[in-house]
Amino acid sequence: MGETGEKKPVLVDRYNRHVDYARISVTSRCNLRCVYCMREGHRRPGVPVEELHYREICRIVEVLGGSGVRKVRFTGGEPLLRDDIVDLVRYAKSVDGIETVVLTTNGVLLDRSLDMLVEAGLDGINFSLDTFDADRYAAITRRNLLPGVLANLESLFRYADVLRVKINVLLLRGINSSELTDFGELARKQPVTVRLMELMPFDDHQIWRTGKFMGADKIFEKLGNIYPVLKSMRGHATEHFSFSLPGYRGKVAIIPAFTRNFCSQCNRLRITSSGRIMSCLYSRNGIDLLKALRERTDTGQLRLLFQQAIDMKPKDGREAGEAVPRTSMSEIGG
């Protein structure tokens, strides 16, 4: 313990970056087939998918909690496809050292678990929604599910004073970029953060090179034209570019996921649903954790595996991973 009584970070990389945030992909399965993430034929029907078991995920959280990690995000794929997601949240909240547990969802199945997730202690939800138009939603996701998704978003707003609610909007030039005003309205009415995000090259070889990319500078320009009184506010990490508007309950943030480099501040690691530790979004292989978990490796050895992965963390991830084959974000844990 330090003089302030806080736990000292344990996972530190070669560049003295302290890793205290873990994104755990609990499944690579998804009930949508978004044009910027996963092709319709991404996985053949009937082919078994290797996924971490409940106890394995709990074990990972335990080791991370004892290694200086304070925040855990459950992601996927679509994490709500797991029947045990509420139990995972409840368990993670009980682990010593873990202070914050959040998840990312496309909202399709949120109605069946929202109340239970809140009761389990969930701290926040990132809700992915790229359009309010039914035809556009079907074109982006290849599914006709928008009415239910919007109903679930309204239900989520009931908890906006309890949960940290963020709306993830991936902006695509010429597809949904005309809806900025509609998403801005969410921040006016609700105490939420609307996050306007850039496309990344993990699209399962679909639209990355088709001119749909919309950079942060262009997003900011369009936002400024719509809201001349946009007021910059201090953000953090990927939400460095955050803005407030007079009379608005929430805020808007621009996430320059591709054009800006946040590597010098990176405090995170990823665990894939197949049990690999990825110290960087652009990592090629990572460290196999699944084998060690199934051999009932002791805590000390598991911590060494995490540290080994952290030691592989590049100074500049995108530069180091320029040649990495593009794949689906669902495989990485978006």
C-alpha atoms as a PDB file:
ATOM      1  CA  MET A   1       0.000   0.000   0.000  1.00  0.00           C
ATOM      2  CA  GLY A   2       1.203   3.526  -0.735  1.00  0.00           C
ATOM      3  CA  GLU A   3       1.143   6.495   1.586  1.00  0.00           C
ATOM      4  CA  THR A   4      -2.299   7.439   0.259  1.00  0.00           C
ATOM      5  CA  GLY A   5      -3.659   3.993   1.112  1.00  0.00           C
ATOM      6  CA  GLU A   6      -4.211   3.137  -2.563  1.00  0.00           C
ATOM      7  CA  LYS A   7      -3.004  -0.102  -4.087  1.00  0.00           C
ATOM      8  CA  LYS A   8       0.114   0.402  -6.175  1.00  0.00           C
ATOM      9  CA  PRO A   9      -0.206  -0.691  -9.824  1.00  0.00           C
ATOM     10  CA  VAL A  10       1.345  -4.093 -10.395  1.00  0.00           C
ATOM     11  CA  LEU A  11       1.057  -4.502 -14.171  1.00  0.00           C
ATOM     12  CA  VAL A  12       3.524  -2.003 -15.638  1.00  0.00           C
ATOM     13  CA  ASP A  13       4.957  -2.153 -19.146  1.00  0.00           C
ATOM     14  CA  ARG A  14       8.413  -1.279 -20.480  1.00  0.00           C
ATOM     15  CA  TYR A  15       7.356   2.336 -20.992  1.00  0.00           C
ATOM     16  CA  ASN A  16       6.079   2.762 -17.425  1.00  0.00           C
ATOM     17  CA  ARG A  17       2.423   2.656 -18.438  1.00  0.00           C
ATOM     18  CA  HIS A  18       0.290   1.243 -15.623  1.00  0.00           C
ATOM     19  CA  VAL A  19      -2.366  -1.196 -16.779  1.00  0.00           C
ATOM     20  CA  ASP A  20      -5.488  -0.979 -14.617  1.00  0.00           C
ATOM     21  CA  TYR A  21      -8.275  -1.579 -17.157  1.00  0.00           C
ATOM     22  CA  ALA A  22      -9.201  -4.944 -18.714  1.00  0.00           C
ATOM     23  CA  ARG A  23     -11.615  -5.567 -21.568  1.00  0.00           C
ATOM     24  CA  ILE A  24     -12.807  -9.149 -21.420  1.00  0.00           C
ATOM     25  CA  SER A  25     -14.572 -10.523 -24.474  1.00  0.00           C
ATOM     26  CA  VAL A  26     -16.992 -13.121 -23.148  1.00  0.00           C
ATOM     27  CA  THR A  27     -18.074 -14.278 -26.607  1.00  0.00           C
ATOM     28  CA  SER A  28     -17.239 -13.698 -30.260  1.00  0.00           C
ATOM     29  CA  ARG A  29     -20.833 -14.528 -31.193  1.00  0.00           C
ATOM     30  CA  CYS A  30     -23.121 -11.697 -32.254  1.00  0.00           C
ATOM     31  CA  ASN A  31     -26.779 -11.374 -33.245  1.00  0.00           C
ATOM     32  CA  LEU A  32     -26.014  -8.596 -35.761  1.00  0.00           C
ATOM     33  CA  ARG A  33     -23.836  -8.600 -38.874  1.00  0.00           C
ATOM     34  CA  CYS A  34     -22.674  -5.002 -39.098  1.00  0.00           C
ATOM     35  CA  VAL A  35     -20.956  -3.870 -42.278  1.00  0.00           C
ATOM     36  CA  TYR A  36     -18.067  -2.440 -40.248  1.00  0.00           C
ATOM     37  CA  CYS A  37     -17.530  -5.526 -38.097  1.00  0.00           C
ATOM     38  CA  MET A  38     -18.699  -8.968 -39.229  1.00  0.00           C
ATOM     39  CA  ARG A  39     -19.714 -10.459 -42.543  1.00  0.00           C
ATOM     40  CA  GLU A  40     -22.854 -12.570 -42.809  1.00  0.00           C
ATOM     41  CA  GLY A  41     -20.736 -15.640 -43.524  1.00  0.00           C
ATOM     42  CA  HIS A  42     -18.086 -14.863 -40.940  1.00  0.00           C
ATOM     43  CA  ARG A  43     -18.581 -18.182 -39.181  1.00  0.00           C
ATOM     44  CA  ARG A  44     -20.053 -21.361 -40.600  1.00  0.00           C
ATOM     45  CA  PRO A  45     -23.214 -22.641 -38.873  1.00  0.00           C
ATOM     46  CA  GLY A  46     -22.659 -25.671 -36.682  1.00  0.00           C
ATOM     47  CA  VAL A  47     -18.937 -25.029 -36.202  1.00  0.00           C
ATOM     48  CA  PRO A  48     -18.243 -24.989 -32.440  1.00  0.00           C
ATOM     49  CA  VAL A  49     -16.804 -21.783 -30.979  1.00  0.00           C
ATOM     50  CA  GLU A  50     -14.239 -21.983 -28.199  1.00  0.00           C
ATOM     51  CA  GLU A  51     -15.271 -19.681 -25.363  1.00  0.00           C
ATOM     52  CA  LEU A  52     -14.054 -19.104 -21.858  1.00  0.00           C
ATOM     53  CA  HIS A  53     -16.215 -20.830 -19.255  1.00  0.00           C
ATOM     54  CA  TYR A  54     -17.842 -18.968 -16.389  1.00  0.00           C
ATOM     55  CA  ARG A  55     -15.310 -20.116 -13.789  1.00  0.00           C
ATOM     56  CA  GLU A  56     -12.449 -19.270 -16.124  1.00  0.00           C
ATOM     57  CA  ILE A  57     -13.667 -15.703 -16.523  1.00  0.00           C
ATOM     58  CA  CYS A  58     -14.126 -15.416 -12.755  1.00  0.00           C
ATOM     59  CA  ARG A  59     -10.570 -16.669 -12.262  1.00  0.00           C
ATOM     60  CA  ILE A  60      -9.258 -14.086 -14.717  1.00  0.00           C
ATOM     61  CA  VAL A  61     -11.057 -11.293 -12.857  1.00  0.00           C
ATOM     62  CA  GLU A  62      -9.673 -12.531  -9.539  1.00  0.00           C
ATOM     63  CA  VAL A  63      -6.095 -12.500 -10.831  1.00  0.00           C
ATOM     64  CA  LEU A  64      -6.552  -9.084 -12.440  1.00  0.00           C
ATOM     65  CA  GLY A  65      -8.097  -7.640  -9.284  1.00  0.00           C
ATOM     66  CA  GLY A  66      -5.037  -8.766  -7.346  1.00  0.00           C
ATOM     67  CA  SER A  67      -2.715  -7.290  -9.970  1.00  0.00           C
ATOM     68  CA  GLY A  68      -3.760  -3.667  -9.854  1.00  0.00           C
ATOM     69  CA  VAL A  69      -6.620  -3.776 -12.377  1.00  0.00           C
ATOM     70  CA  ARG A  70      -9.495  -1.626 -11.140  1.00  0.00           C
ATOM     71  CA  LYS A  71     -11.885  -1.570 -14.104  1.00  0.00           C
ATOM     72  CA  VAL A  72     -13.353  -4.476 -16.081  1.00  0.00           C
ATOM     73  CA  ARG A  73     -15.453  -4.194 -19.215  1.00  0.00           C
ATOM     74  CA  PHE A  74     -17.357  -7.201 -20.516  1.00  0.00           C
ATOM     75  CA  THR A  75     -17.616  -7.064 -24.261  1.00  0.00           C
ATOM     76  CA  GLY A  76     -17.855  -9.311 -27.307  1.00  0.00           C
ATOM     77  CA  GLY A  77     -19.304 -10.061 -29.824  1.00  0.00           C
ATOM     78  CA  GLU A  78     -22.516  -9.419 -27.951  1.00  0.00           C
ATOM     79  CA  PRO A  79     -22.048 -10.176 -24.237  1.00  0.00           C
ATOM     80  CA  LEU A  80     -25.789 -10.441 -23.547  1.00  0.00           C
ATOM     81  CA  LEU A  81     -25.855 -13.637 -25.628  1.00  0.00           C
ATOM     82  CA  ARG A  82     -24.302 -15.343 -22.602  1.00  0.00           C
ATOM     83  CA  ASP A  83     -26.903 -16.640 -20.165  1.00  0.00           C
ATOM     84  CA  ASP A  84     -24.493 -16.098 -17.278  1.00  0.00           C
ATOM     85  CA  ILE A  85     -23.661 -12.440 -17.972  1.00  0.00           C
ATOM     86  CA  VAL A  86     -25.546 -11.215 -14.890  1.00  0.00           C
ATOM     87  CA  ASP A  87     -23.668 -13.708 -12.712  1.00  0.00           C
ATOM     88  CA  LEU A  88     -20.383 -12.568 -14.240  1.00  0.00           C
ATOM     89  CA  VAL A  89     -21.153  -8.942 -13.414  1.00  0.00           C
ATOM     90  CA  ARG A  90     -22.186  -9.830  -9.873  1.00  0.00           C
ATOM     91  CA  TYR A  91     -19.048 -11.870  -9.319  1.00  0.00           C
ATOM     92  CA  ALA A  92     -16.723  -9.241 -10.779  1.00  0.00           C
ATOM     93  CA  LYS A  93     -18.229  -6.634  -8.455  1.00  0.00           C
ATOM     94  CA  SER A  94     -17.400  -8.860  -5.490  1.00  0.00           C
ATOM     95  CA  VAL A  95     -13.714  -9.250  -6.367  1.00  0.00           C
ATOM     96  CA  ASP A  96     -11.289  -7.333  -4.173  1.00  0.00           C
ATOM     97  CA  GLY A  97      -9.544  -4.595  -6.137  1.00  0.00           C
ATOM     98  CA  ILE A  98     -12.169  -4.302  -8.876  1.00  0.00           C
ATOM     99  CA  GLU A  99     -13.885  -0.949  -8.501  1.00  0.00           C
ATOM    100  CA  THR A 100     -15.798  -0.574 -11.774  1.00  0.00           C
ATOM    101  CA  VAL A 101     -17.633  -3.124 -13.922  1.00  0.00           C
ATOM    102  CA  VAL A 102     -19.211  -2.051 -17.200  1.00  0.00           C
ATOM    103  CA  LEU A 103     -20.294  -3.677 -20.450  1.00  0.00           C
ATOM    104  CA  THR A 104     -20.845  -2.849 -24.106  1.00  0.00           C
ATOM    105  CA  THR A 105     -23.978  -4.027 -25.891  1.00  0.00           C
ATOM    106  CA  ASN A 106     -25.885  -3.548 -29.130  1.00  0.00           C
ATOM    107  CA  GLY A 107     -29.055  -3.422 -27.038  1.00  0.00           C
ATOM    108  CA  VAL A 108     -30.991  -6.133 -28.869  1.00  0.00           C
ATOM    109  CA  LEU A 109     -31.358  -8.350 -25.782  1.00  0.00           C
ATOM    110  CA  LEU A 110     -31.117  -5.709 -23.068  1.00  0.00           C
ATOM    111  CA  ASP A 111     -34.774  -5.982 -22.049  1.00  0.00           C
ATOM    112  CA  ARG A 112     -34.300  -9.475 -20.654  1.00  0.00           C
ATOM    113  CA  SER A 113     -31.454  -8.579 -18.282  1.00  0.00           C
ATOM    114  CA  LEU A 114     -31.337  -4.819 -17.624  1.00  0.00           C
ATOM    115  CA  ASP A 115     -32.999  -4.848 -14.219  1.00  0.00           C
ATOM    116  CA  MET A 116     -30.900  -7.820 -13.098  1.00  0.00           C
ATOM    117  CA  LEU A 117     -27.681  -6.208 -14.312  1.00  0.00           C
ATOM    118  CA  VAL A 118     -28.402  -3.093 -12.279  1.00  0.00           C
ATOM    119  CA  GLU A 119     -29.261  -5.204  -9.239  1.00  0.00           C
ATOM    120  CA  ALA A 120     -25.975  -7.106  -9.724  1.00  0.00           C
ATOM    121  CA  GLY A 121     -24.069  -3.844  -9.356  1.00  0.00           C
ATOM    122  CA  LEU A 122     -23.213  -2.911 -12.955  1.00  0.00           C
ATOM    123  CA  ASP A 123     -21.679   0.565 -13.081  1.00  0.00           C
ATOM    124  CA  GLY A 124     -22.196   1.504 -16.706  1.00  0.00           C
ATOM    125  CA  ILE A 125     -23.349   0.523 -20.181  1.00  0.00           C
ATOM    126  CA  ASN A 126     -22.025   1.509 -23.579  1.00  0.00           C
ATOM    127  CA  PHE A 127     -24.975   1.133 -25.942  1.00  0.00           C
ATOM    128  CA  SER A 128     -24.044   0.846 -29.620  1.00  0.00           C
ATOM    129  CA  LEU A 129     -26.517   2.549 -31.953  1.00  0.00           C
ATOM    130  CA  ASP A 130     -25.646   4.025 -35.349  1.00  0.00           C
ATOM    131  CA  THR A 131     -28.988   5.240 -36.667  1.00  0.00           C
ATOM    132  CA  PHE A 132     -32.626   6.007 -35.822  1.00  0.00           C
ATOM    133  CA  ASP A 133     -33.805   5.067 -39.310  1.00  0.00           C
ATOM    134  CA  ALA A 134     -35.195   1.539 -39.708  1.00  0.00           C
ATOM    135  CA  ASP A 135     -34.052   1.043 -43.309  1.00  0.00           C
ATOM    136  CA  ARG A 136     -30.598   2.384 -42.506  1.00  0.00           C
ATOM    137  CA  TYR A 137     -30.368   0.180 -39.429  1.00  0.00           C
ATOM    138  CA  ALA A 138     -31.209  -2.866 -41.550  1.00  0.00           C
ATOM    139  CA  ALA A 139     -28.599  -1.857 -44.126  1.00  0.00           C
ATOM    140  CA  ILE A 140     -25.881  -1.420 -41.478  1.00  0.00           C
ATOM    141  CA  THR A 141     -26.680  -4.442 -39.280  1.00  0.00           C
ATOM    142  CA  ARG A 142     -28.387  -6.730 -41.828  1.00  0.00           C
ATOM    143  CA  ARG A 143     -31.177  -7.219 -39.283  1.00  0.00           C
ATOM    144  CA  ASN A 144     -34.631  -5.618 -38.882  1.00  0.00           C
ATOM    145  CA  LEU A 145     -34.504  -5.089 -35.133  1.00  0.00           C
ATOM    146  CA  LEU A 146     -34.541  -1.314 -34.623  1.00  0.00           C
ATOM    147  CA  PRO A 147     -37.952  -0.937 -32.873  1.00  0.00           C
ATOM    148  CA  GLY A 148     -36.940  -3.305 -30.081  1.00  0.00           C
ATOM    149  CA  VAL A 149     -33.508  -1.706 -29.782  1.00  0.00           C
ATOM    150  CA  LEU A 150     -34.999   1.773 -29.404  1.00  0.00           C
ATOM    151  CA  ALA A 151     -37.477   0.488 -26.823  1.00  0.00           C
ATOM    152  CA  ASN A 152     -34.577  -0.994 -24.867  1.00  0.00           C
ATOM    153  CA  LEU A 153     -32.699   2.305 -25.097  1.00  0.00           C
ATOM    154  CA  GLU A 154     -35.680   4.090 -23.557  1.00  0.00           C
ATOM    155  CA  SER A 155     -35.694   1.524 -20.752  1.00  0.00           C
ATOM    156  CA  LEU A 156     -31.996   2.141 -20.209  1.00  0.00           C
ATOM    157  CA  PHE A 157     -32.624   5.861 -19.817  1.00  0.00           C
ATOM    158  CA  ARG A 158     -34.654   5.035 -16.692  1.00  0.00           C
ATOM    159  CA  TYR A 159     -31.343   4.115 -15.086  1.00  0.00           C
ATOM    160  CA  ALA A 160     -29.312   7.008 -16.497  1.00  0.00           C
ATOM    161  CA  ASP A 161     -28.962   8.544 -13.027  1.00  0.00           C
ATOM    162  CA  VAL A 162     -27.675   5.240 -11.630  1.00  0.00           C
ATOM    163  CA  LEU A 163     -25.568   3.911 -14.514  1.00  0.00           C
ATOM    164  CA  ARG A 164     -22.953   5.727 -16.572  1.00  0.00           C
ATOM    165  CA  VAL A 165     -24.661   5.496 -19.950  1.00  0.00           C
ATOM    166  CA  LYS A 166     -22.734   6.088 -23.148  1.00  0.00           C
ATOM    167  CA  ILE A 167     -24.111   5.863 -26.665  1.00  0.00           C
ATOM    168  CA  ASN A 168     -21.532   4.595 -29.174  1.00  0.00           C
ATOM    169  CA  VAL A 169     -22.199   5.939 -32.670  1.00  0.00           C
ATOM    170  CA  LEU A 170     -19.885   4.806 -35.456  1.00  0.00           C
ATOM    171  CA  LEU A 171     -20.110   7.512 -38.095  1.00  0.00           C
ATOM    172  CA  LEU A 172     -19.917   6.470 -41.737  1.00  0.00           C
ATOM    173  CA  ARG A 173     -19.622   9.036 -44.496  1.00  0.00           C
ATOM    174  CA  GLY A 174     -22.733   9.143 -46.630  1.00  0.00           C
ATOM    175  CA  ILE A 175     -24.548   6.553 -44.509  1.00  0.00           C
ATOM    176  CA  ASN A 176     -25.453   7.965 -41.094  1.00  0.00           C
ATOM    177  CA  SER A 177     -23.447  11.213 -40.952  1.00  0.00           C
ATOM    178  CA  SER A 178     -26.655  13.183 -41.543  1.00  0.00           C
ATOM    179  CA  GLU A 179     -28.022  12.094 -38.142  1.00  0.00           C
ATOM    180  CA  LEU A 180     -25.675  14.117 -35.929  1.00  0.00           C
ATOM    181  CA  THR A 181     -28.506  16.392 -34.793  1.00  0.00           C
ATOM    182  CA  ASP A 182     -30.656  13.419 -33.795  1.00  0.00           C
ATOM    183  CA  PHE A 183     -27.868  11.977 -31.659  1.00  0.00           C
ATOM    184  CA  GLY A 184     -27.152  15.392 -30.189  1.00  0.00           C
ATOM    185  CA  GLU A 185     -30.761  15.463 -29.004  1.00  0.00           C
ATOM    186  CA  LEU A 186     -30.045  12.454 -26.793  1.00  0.00           C
ATOM    187  CA  ALA A 187     -27.465  14.525 -24.900  1.00  0.00           C
ATOM    188  CA  ARG A 188     -29.992  17.329 -24.521  1.00  0.00           C
ATOM    189  CA  LYS A 189     -32.668  15.135 -23.020  1.00  0.00           C
ATOM    190  CA  GLN A 190     -30.624  12.609 -21.061  1.00  0.00           C
ATOM    191  CA  PRO A 191     -27.531  12.664 -18.766  1.00  0.00           C
ATOM    192  CA  VAL A 192     -25.585  10.501 -21.210  1.00  0.00           C
ATOM    193  CA  THR A 193     -22.406  10.755 -23.253  1.00  0.00           C
ATOM    194  CA  VAL A 194     -22.903  10.469 -27.000  1.00  0.00           C
ATOM    195  CA  ARG A 195     -19.619   9.147 -28.432  1.00  0.00           C
ATOM    196  CA  LEU A 196     -19.079   9.834 -32.135  1.00  0.00           C
ATOM    197  CA  MET A 197     -16.551   7.276 -33.312  1.00  0.00           C
ATOM    198  CA  GLU A 198     -14.282   6.726 -36.289  1.00  0.00           C
ATOM    199  CA  LEU A 199     -14.328   3.544 -38.347  1.00  0.00           C
ATOM    200  CA  MET A 200     -11.411   1.184 -37.655  1.00  0.00           C
ATOM    201  CA  PRO A 201      -9.764  -1.418 -39.934  1.00  0.00           C
ATOM    202  CA  PHE A 202     -11.300  -4.389 -38.125  1.00  0.00           C
ATOM    203  CA  ASP A 203     -14.294  -4.714 -40.442  1.00  0.00           C
ATOM    204  CA  ASP A 204     -13.913  -8.319 -41.603  1.00  0.00           C
ATOM    205  CA  HIS A 205     -12.718  -7.057 -45.019  1.00  0.00           C
ATOM    206  CA  GLN A 206     -15.908  -5.139 -45.806  1.00  0.00           C
ATOM    207  CA  ILE A 207     -15.963  -1.319 -46.103  1.00  0.00           C
ATOM    208  CA  TRP A 208     -12.619  -0.030 -44.784  1.00  0.00           C
ATOM    209  CA  ARG A 209     -11.385   0.986 -48.240  1.00  0.00           C
ATOM    210  CA  THR A 210     -14.706   2.127 -49.733  1.00  0.00           C
ATOM    211  CA  GLY A 211     -14.636   5.821 -48.808  1.00  0.00           C
ATOM    212  CA  LYS A 212     -16.998   5.543 -45.825  1.00  0.00           C
ATOM    213  CA  PHE A 213     -14.373   6.580 -43.288  1.00  0.00           C
ATOM    214  CA  MET A 214     -15.162   9.878 -41.549  1.00  0.00           C
ATOM    215  CA  GLY A 215     -12.290  11.356 -39.565  1.00  0.00           C
ATOM    216  CA  ALA A 216     -12.471  13.224 -36.278  1.00  0.00           C
ATOM    217  CA  ASP A 217     -11.641  16.563 -37.909  1.00  0.00           C
ATOM    218  CA  LYS A 218     -14.607  16.246 -40.260  1.00  0.00           C
ATOM    219  CA  ILE A 219     -16.871  15.127 -37.416  1.00  0.00           C
ATOM    220  CA  PHE A 220     -15.803  18.159 -35.383  1.00  0.00           C
ATOM    221  CA  GLU A 221     -16.420  20.457 -38.349  1.00  0.00           C
ATOM    222  CA  LYS A 222     -19.953  19.138 -38.878  1.00  0.00           C
ATOM    223  CA  LEU A 223     -20.672  19.240 -35.154  1.00  0.00           C
ATOM    224  CA  GLY A 224     -19.468  22.857 -34.952  1.00  0.00           C
ATOM    225  CA  ASN A 225     -21.705  23.847 -37.868  1.00  0.00           C
ATOM    226  CA  ILE A 226     -24.725  22.347 -36.114  1.00  0.00           C
ATOM    227  CA  TYR A 227     -23.822  23.662 -32.641  1.00  0.00           C
ATOM    228  CA  PRO A 228     -21.915  26.974 -32.882  1.00  0.00           C
ATOM    229  CA  VAL A 229     -21.983  27.281 -29.065  1.00  0.00           C
ATOM    230  CA  LEU A 230     -20.197  23.960 -28.595  1.00  0.00           C
ATOM    231  CA  LYS A 231     -18.041  24.259 -25.473  1.00  0.00           C
ATOM    232  CA  SER A 232     -14.928  22.169 -25.089  1.00  0.00           C
ATOM    233  CA  MET A 233     -14.564  20.445 -21.735  1.00  0.00           C
ATOM    234  CA  ARG A 234     -11.797  18.415 -20.218  1.00  0.00           C
ATOM    235  CA  GLY A 235     -12.099  14.775 -21.194  1.00  0.00           C
ATOM    236  CA  HIS A 236      -9.866  11.790 -20.563  1.00  0.00           C
ATOM    237  CA  ALA A 237      -8.305   8.929 -22.493  1.00  0.00           C
ATOM    238  CA  THR A 238     -10.274   8.256 -25.701  1.00  0.00           C
ATOM    239  CA  GLU A 239     -12.863  10.902 -24.687  1.00  0.00           C
ATOM    240  CA  HIS A 240     -10.224  13.640 -24.716  1.00  0.00           C
ATOM    241  CA  PHE A 241     -12.334  15.571 -27.251  1.00  0.00           C
ATOM    242  CA  SER A 242     -15.459  16.174 -25.147  1.00  0.00           C
ATOM    243  CA  PHE A 243     -18.003  18.948 -25.465  1.00  0.00           C
ATOM    244  CA  SER A 244     -20.964  20.368 -23.584  1.00  0.00           C
ATOM    245  CA  LEU A 245     -23.841  22.523 -24.725  1.00  0.00           C
ATOM    246  CA  PRO A 246     -25.830  25.082 -22.703  1.00  0.00           C
ATOM    247  CA  GLY A 247     -28.954  23.507 -21.247  1.00  0.00           C
ATOM    248  CA  TYR A 248     -27.955  19.974 -22.225  1.00  0.00           C
ATOM    249  CA  ARG A 249     -28.038  17.267 -19.565  1.00  0.00           C
ATOM    250  CA  GLY A 250     -25.372  15.146 -21.235  1.00  0.00           C
ATOM    251  CA  LYS A 251     -22.289  15.687 -23.365  1.00  0.00           C
ATOM    252  CA  VAL A 252     -20.867  14.767 -26.739  1.00  0.00           C
ATOM    253  CA  ALA A 253     -17.438  13.233 -27.311  1.00  0.00           C
ATOM    254  CA  ILE A 254     -15.510  12.552 -30.500  1.00  0.00           C
ATOM    255  CA  ILE A 255     -13.515   9.322 -30.420  1.00  0.00           C
ATOM    256  CA  PRO A 256     -10.652   9.521 -32.959  1.00  0.00           C
ATOM    257  CA  ALA A 257     -10.057   5.794 -32.736  1.00  0.00           C
ATOM    258  CA  PHE A 258      -7.928   5.694 -35.881  1.00  0.00           C
ATOM    259  CA  THR A 259      -6.546   9.170 -36.664  1.00  0.00           C
ATOM    260  CA  ARG A 260      -5.274  10.012 -33.176  1.00  0.00           C
ATOM    261  CA  ASN A 261      -2.754   8.037 -31.199  1.00  0.00           C
ATOM    262  CA  PHE A 262      -3.493   7.421 -27.507  1.00  0.00           C
ATOM    263  CA  CYS A 263      -0.782   4.794 -27.088  1.00  0.00           C
ATOM    264  CA  SER A 264       1.290   6.920 -24.709  1.00  0.00           C
ATOM    265  CA  GLN A 265      -1.658   6.902 -22.274  1.00  0.00           C
ATOM    266  CA  CYS A 266      -2.809   3.324 -22.844  1.00  0.00           C
ATOM    267  CA  ASN A 267      -3.766   1.623 -19.570  1.00  0.00           C
ATOM    268  CA  ARG A 268      -5.629  -1.400 -20.926  1.00  0.00           C
ATOM    269  CA  LEU A 269      -5.316  -4.994 -21.970  1.00  0.00           C
ATOM    270  CA  ARG A 270      -7.746  -7.313 -23.704  1.00  0.00           C
ATOM    271  CA  ILE A 271      -8.666 -10.934 -23.121  1.00  0.00           C
ATOM    272  CA  THR A 272     -10.305 -12.593 -26.105  1.00  0.00           C
ATOM    273  CA  SER A 273     -13.251 -14.941 -25.731  1.00  0.00           C
ATOM    274  CA  SER A 274     -10.956 -17.806 -26.772  1.00  0.00           C
ATOM    275  CA  GLY A 275      -8.624 -17.046 -23.868  1.00  0.00           C
ATOM    276  CA  ARG A 276      -5.738 -15.043 -25.281  1.00  0.00           C
ATOM    277  CA  ILE A 277      -4.239 -11.988 -23.565  1.00  0.00           C
ATOM    278  CA  MET A 278      -3.821  -9.126 -26.030  1.00  0.00           C
ATOM    279  CA  SER A 279      -1.796  -6.213 -24.727  1.00  0.00           C
ATOM    280  CA  CYS A 280      -2.684  -4.068 -27.726  1.00  0.00           C
ATOM    281  CA  LEU A 281      -5.594  -3.735 -30.128  1.00  0.00           C
ATOM    282  CA  TYR A 282      -3.154  -4.306 -32.980  1.00  0.00           C
ATOM    283  CA  SER A 283      -1.448  -7.341 -31.435  1.00  0.00           C
ATOM    284  CA  ARG A 284      -1.063 -10.326 -33.736  1.00  0.00           C
ATOM    285  CA  ASN A 285      -1.055 -13.328 -31.426  1.00  0.00           C
ATOM    286  CA  GLY A 286      -0.992 -12.441 -27.747  1.00  0.00           C
ATOM    287  CA  ILE A 287      -0.430 -14.926 -24.921  1.00  0.00           C
ATOM    288  CA  ASP A 288      -2.415 -18.149 -24.521  1.00  0.00           C
ATOM    289  CA  LEU A 289      -4.186 -18.011 -21.164  1.00  0.00           C
ATOM    290  CA  LEU A 290      -6.779 -20.722 -21.775  1.00  0.00           C
ATOM    291  CA  LYS A 291      -4.334 -23.626 -21.545  1.00  0.00           C
ATOM    292  CA  ALA A 292      -2.992 -22.368 -18.208  1.00  0.00           C
ATOM    293  CA  LEU A 293      -6.506 -21.901 -16.835  1.00  0.00           C
ATOM    294  CA  ARG A 294      -7.546 -25.423 -17.794  1.00  0.00           C
ATOM    295  CA  GLU A 295      -4.380 -26.860 -16.276  1.00  0.00           C
ATOM    296  CA  ARG A 296      -5.323 -25.097 -13.012  1.00  0.00           C
ATOM    297  CA  THR A 297      -2.141 -23.041 -12.999  1.00  0.00           C
ATOM    298  CA  ASP A 298      -1.590 -21.203  -9.723  1.00  0.00           C
ATOM    299  CA  THR A 299      -2.200 -17.474  -9.284  1.00  0.00           C
ATOM    300  CA  GLY A 300       1.475 -16.532  -9.334  1.00  0.00           C
ATOM    301  CA  GLN A 301       2.026 -18.203 -12.694  1.00  0.00           C
ATOM    302  CA  LEU A 302      -1.107 -16.623 -14.142  1.00  0.00           C
ATOM    303  CA  ARG A 303       0.145 -13.210 -13.048  1.00  0.00           C
ATOM    304  CA  LEU A 304       3.414 -13.929 -14.816  1.00  0.00           C
ATOM    305  CA  LEU A 305       1.482 -14.618 -18.030  1.00  0.00           C
ATOM    306  CA  PHE A 306      -0.282 -11.270 -17.723  1.00  0.00           C
ATOM    307  CA  GLN A 307       3.026  -9.523 -17.093  1.00  0.00           C
ATOM    308  CA  GLN A 308       4.557 -11.330 -20.055  1.00  0.00           C
ATOM    309  CA  ALA A 309       1.767  -9.959 -22.237  1.00  0.00           C
ATOM    310  CA  ILE A 310       2.218  -6.463 -20.798  1.00  0.00           C
ATOM    311  CA  ASP A 311       5.944  -6.663 -21.519  1.00  0.00           C
ATOM    312  CA  MET A 312       5.020  -7.182 -25.191  1.00  0.00           C
ATOM    313  CA  LYS A 313       2.982  -3.986 -25.288  1.00  0.00           C
ATOM    314  CA  PRO A 314       4.444  -1.829 -28.078  1.00  0.00           C
ATOM    315  CA  LYS A 315       5.239   1.844 -27.641  1.00  0.00           C
ATOM    316  CA  ASP A 316       3.046   2.631 -30.646  1.00  0.00           C
ATOM    317  CA  GLY A 317       0.515  -0.092 -31.341  1.00  0.00           C
ATOM    318  CA  ARG A 318      -0.717   1.001 -34.744  1.00  0.00           C
ATOM    319  CA  GLU A 319       2.798   1.480 -36.085  1.00  0.00           C
ATOM    320  CA  ALA A 320       3.863  -1.901 -34.726  1.00  0.00           C
ATOM    321  CA  GLY A 321       0.802  -3.625 -36.161  1.00  0.00           C
ATOM    322  CA  GLU A 322       0.624  -2.112 -39.634  1.00  0.00           C
ATOM    323  CA  ALA A 323       0.921  -5.523 -41.277  1.00  0.00           C
ATOM    324  CA  VAL A 324      -1.635  -7.254 -39.066  1.00  0.00           C
ATOM    325  CA  PRO A 325      -4.374  -8.904 -41.146  1.00  0.00           C
ATOM    326  CA  ARG A 326      -7.682  -7.105 -40.780  1.00  0.00           C
ATOM    327  CA  THR A 327     -10.266  -9.183 -38.986  1.00  0.00           C
ATOM    328  CA  SER A 328     -13.561  -8.638 -37.212  1.00  0.00           C
ATOM    329  CA  MET A 329     -13.632  -6.516 -34.069  1.00  0.00           C
ATOM    330  CA  SER A 330     -15.715  -9.331 -32.587  1.00  0.00           C
ATOM    331  CA  GLU A 331     -12.614 -11.522 -32.613  1.00  0.00           C
ATOM    332  CA  ILE A 332     -10.597  -8.950 -30.710  1.00  0.00           C
ATOM    333  CA  GLY A 333     -13.164  -7.742 -28.209  1.00  0.00           C
ATOM    334  CA  GLY A 334     -14.460  -4.356 -29.272  1.00  0.00           C
END
